[in-house]
Protein backbone atom coordinates (compact mmCIF):
# COMPACT_ATOMS: atom_id res chain seq x y z
CA MET A 1 137.55 203.78 206.62
CA HIS A 2 137.89 200.14 207.50
CA LEU A 3 141.25 199.94 209.24
CA LEU A 4 141.90 196.26 208.65
CA GLU A 5 141.64 196.80 204.91
CA THR A 6 144.35 199.47 204.79
CA PRO A 7 147.68 198.36 203.33
CA GLU A 8 149.33 199.05 206.70
CA PHE A 9 146.97 196.76 208.62
CA VAL A 10 147.06 194.05 205.96
CA THR A 11 150.85 194.02 206.29
CA ALA A 12 150.71 194.25 210.09
CA LEU A 13 148.33 191.30 210.41
CA GLU A 14 150.58 189.12 208.28
CA LEU A 15 153.58 190.15 210.37
CA TRP A 16 151.60 189.38 213.56
CA ARG A 17 150.87 185.87 212.26
CA GLN A 18 154.62 185.45 211.62
CA GLY A 19 155.50 186.62 215.14
CA GLU A 20 157.33 189.70 213.83
CA TYR A 21 155.99 192.06 216.47
CA TRP A 22 158.49 194.90 216.11
CA GLU A 23 157.70 194.99 212.40
CA VAL A 24 153.96 195.20 213.25
CA HIS A 25 154.77 198.39 215.11
CA GLU A 26 156.79 199.71 212.18
CA ALA A 27 154.03 198.88 209.68
CA LEU A 28 151.31 200.64 211.67
CA GLU A 29 153.11 203.75 212.87
CA PRO A 30 152.71 205.80 209.64
CA LEU A 31 148.97 205.01 209.63
CA TRP A 32 148.64 205.85 213.33
CA MET A 33 150.20 209.28 212.75
CA ARG A 34 147.45 210.11 210.21
CA LEU A 35 144.51 208.92 212.32
CA ARG A 36 142.32 210.72 214.86
CA GLY A 37 139.75 209.68 217.44
CA PRO A 38 138.88 206.03 218.13
CA GLU A 39 140.79 204.78 215.10
CA ARG A 40 143.96 206.37 216.49
CA GLU A 41 143.35 204.97 220.00
CA PHE A 42 142.73 201.49 218.62
CA THR A 43 145.80 201.55 216.39
CA GLN A 44 147.95 202.88 219.25
CA GLY A 45 146.70 200.01 221.41
CA VAL A 46 147.60 197.43 218.75
CA ILE A 47 151.04 199.01 218.31
CA LEU A 48 151.64 198.81 222.06
CA LEU A 49 150.45 195.19 222.23
CA ALA A 50 152.93 194.32 219.49
CA ALA A 51 155.63 196.27 221.33
CA ALA A 52 154.79 194.35 224.51
CA LEU A 53 155.23 191.03 222.74
CA HIS A 54 158.52 192.17 221.22
CA LYS A 55 159.89 193.65 224.44
CA ALA A 56 158.92 190.59 226.50
CA LYS A 57 161.55 188.58 224.62
CA SER A 58 164.32 190.56 226.30
CA SER A 59 162.54 192.04 229.33
CA PRO A 60 159.36 190.50 230.72
CA SER A 61 158.76 193.55 232.92
CA GLY A 62 159.12 195.81 229.87
CA GLY A 63 156.57 193.69 228.05
CA TRP A 64 154.09 194.09 230.88
CA ARG A 65 154.66 197.88 230.96
CA ASN A 66 153.77 198.16 227.28
CA PHE A 67 150.81 195.84 227.79
CA THR A 68 149.45 198.11 230.54
CA LYS A 69 149.79 201.15 228.25
CA ALA A 70 148.01 199.27 225.46
CA VAL A 71 145.08 198.36 227.69
CA ARG A 72 144.61 202.04 228.62
CA HIS A 73 144.15 202.86 224.93
CA LEU A 74 141.94 199.87 224.21
CA GLU A 75 139.62 200.11 227.21
CA VAL A 76 137.89 203.11 225.58
CA ILE A 77 137.20 201.08 222.42
CA PRO A 78 133.95 199.06 222.02
CA PRO A 79 134.22 195.27 222.61
CA THR A 80 134.13 194.66 218.86
CA TYR A 81 135.74 197.41 216.82
CA GLN A 82 136.39 197.37 213.09
CA GLY A 83 135.73 193.64 213.25
CA VAL A 84 138.31 193.01 215.98
CA ARG A 85 137.23 191.33 219.21
CA VAL A 86 139.16 193.75 221.41
CA ALA A 87 138.79 192.01 224.78
CA GLU A 88 139.83 188.70 223.22
CA LEU A 89 142.87 190.37 221.62
CA ILE A 90 143.92 191.73 225.02
CA GLU A 91 143.51 188.27 226.58
CA GLU A 92 145.50 186.61 223.78
CA VAL A 93 148.43 188.95 224.43
CA ARG A 94 148.12 188.60 228.22
CA ALA A 95 148.30 184.79 227.84
CA ALA A 96 151.33 185.08 225.52
CA LEU A 97 153.13 187.30 228.02
CA ARG A 98 152.51 184.68 230.71
CA ASP A 99 153.63 181.87 228.38
CA PRO A 100 156.31 182.98 225.89
CA GLU A 101 155.86 179.77 223.89
CA ARG A 102 152.29 180.78 223.04
CA ALA A 103 151.65 182.60 219.77
CA PRO A 104 148.79 185.06 220.31
CA ALA A 105 146.01 185.12 217.73
CA PHE A 106 144.65 188.37 216.38
CA PRO A 107 140.89 187.74 216.72
CA TYR A 108 138.86 189.48 214.06
CA LEU A 109 135.75 188.75 212.06
CA ARG A 110 136.42 188.13 208.40
């Protein structure tokens, strides 16, 4: 299965581009519940990154807590996974948490 081609990820990536991070979480959760192994870890990490970006709007410390949880899930994933540059994704979100005006990219190979 190529995760980024699932309807859930297609929707989630569009929502990410729009800055609708809570909705990213909502779009991916049903998929995450069906997955196992690395696909589940990766999807959980993406969900938590989106939750971090959403939470940071009202609570910067809450955003960082979710970010830390996300990194724990993503650090077991290869540097490029399912076409996503994982380390770059983590850095994009870290930079956005430091600068709330920054819109983080979702770096993947098309």
